[in-house]
């Protein structure tokens, strides 16, 4: 990742361990628009990612 990409994105961390980087999001998006869900709340999620650090499956949804 080059310097320009770092300035345009922010890391979204795992809500379970707080260490794993789940994804990059544009810095122009309001962070409150990205909802993260723990496994027990998976019925609320639209998509899923797996944390590279703790291995937990984390759901997310982007509100408009």
Protein backbone atom coordinates (compact mmCIF):
# COMPACT_ATOMS: atom_id res chain seq x y z
CA UNK A 1 0.00 0.00 0.00
CA UNK A 2 1.48 3.33 -0.98
CA UNK A 3 1.32 6.62 0.92
CA UNK A 4 -1.62 8.00 -1.10
CA UNK A 5 -3.73 4.89 -0.39
CA UNK A 6 -2.95 5.20 3.35
CA UNK A 7 -4.22 8.77 3.34
CA UNK A 8 -7.50 7.80 1.65
CA UNK A 9 -8.43 4.80 3.80
CA UNK A 10 -8.91 3.84 7.43
CA UNK A 11 -8.57 0.38 8.93
CA UNK A 12 -11.61 -1.35 10.39
CA UNK A 13 -10.51 -3.54 13.32
CA UNK A 14 -12.09 -6.69 14.71
CA UNK A 15 -14.66 -5.90 17.45
CA UNK A 16 -13.80 -9.13 19.25
CA UNK A 17 -10.00 -9.00 19.61
CA UNK A 18 -9.37 -5.39 18.55
CA UNK A 19 -6.18 -6.42 16.75
CA UNK A 20 -7.13 -7.94 13.41
CA UNK A 21 -7.63 -5.67 10.41
CA UNK A 22 -10.90 -6.72 8.78
CA UNK A 23 -10.98 -4.25 5.91
CA UNK A 24 -10.07 -0.80 4.68
CA UNK A 25 -12.77 1.85 4.35
CA UNK A 26 -12.64 5.19 2.61
CA UNK A 27 -11.86 8.08 4.94
CA UNK A 28 -14.77 9.93 3.35
CA UNK A 29 -17.30 7.44 4.75
CA UNK A 30 -18.79 8.11 8.16
CA UNK A 31 -17.53 5.28 10.45
CA UNK A 32 -21.00 5.04 12.01
CA UNK A 33 -22.30 3.81 8.64
CA UNK A 34 -20.32 0.56 8.97
CA UNK A 35 -22.02 -1.71 11.48
CA UNK A 36 -20.01 -4.68 12.80
CA UNK A 37 -21.71 -7.72 14.31
CA UNK A 38 -20.34 -10.47 16.53
CA UNK A 39 -21.18 -14.09 15.60
CA UNK A 40 -24.23 -14.19 17.88
CA UNK A 41 -25.71 -11.24 15.91
CA UNK A 42 -25.04 -12.74 12.47
CA UNK A 43 -28.71 -12.49 11.45
CA UNK A 44 -28.27 -8.67 11.22
CA UNK A 45 -25.24 -8.82 8.87
CA UNK A 46 -25.17 -8.45 5.09
CA UNK A 47 -21.62 -9.76 4.55
CA UNK A 48 -19.00 -11.61 6.57
CA UNK A 49 -15.23 -11.46 7.00
CA UNK A 50 -12.89 -13.58 9.08
CA UNK A 51 -10.46 -11.89 11.46
CA UNK A 52 -6.86 -12.75 10.53
CA UNK A 53 -5.76 -12.57 14.19
CA UNK A 54 -8.43 -14.35 16.27
CA UNK A 55 -10.23 -16.28 13.51
CA UNK A 56 -13.69 -15.02 14.50
CA UNK A 57 -16.29 -14.56 11.80
CA UNK A 58 -17.50 -10.95 11.92
CA UNK A 59 -20.58 -9.73 10.08
CA UNK A 60 -20.98 -6.24 8.72
CA UNK A 61 -23.55 -4.05 7.06
CA UNK A 62 -23.20 -0.63 5.47
CA UNK A 63 -26.03 1.78 6.19
CA UNK A 64 -27.02 4.33 3.59
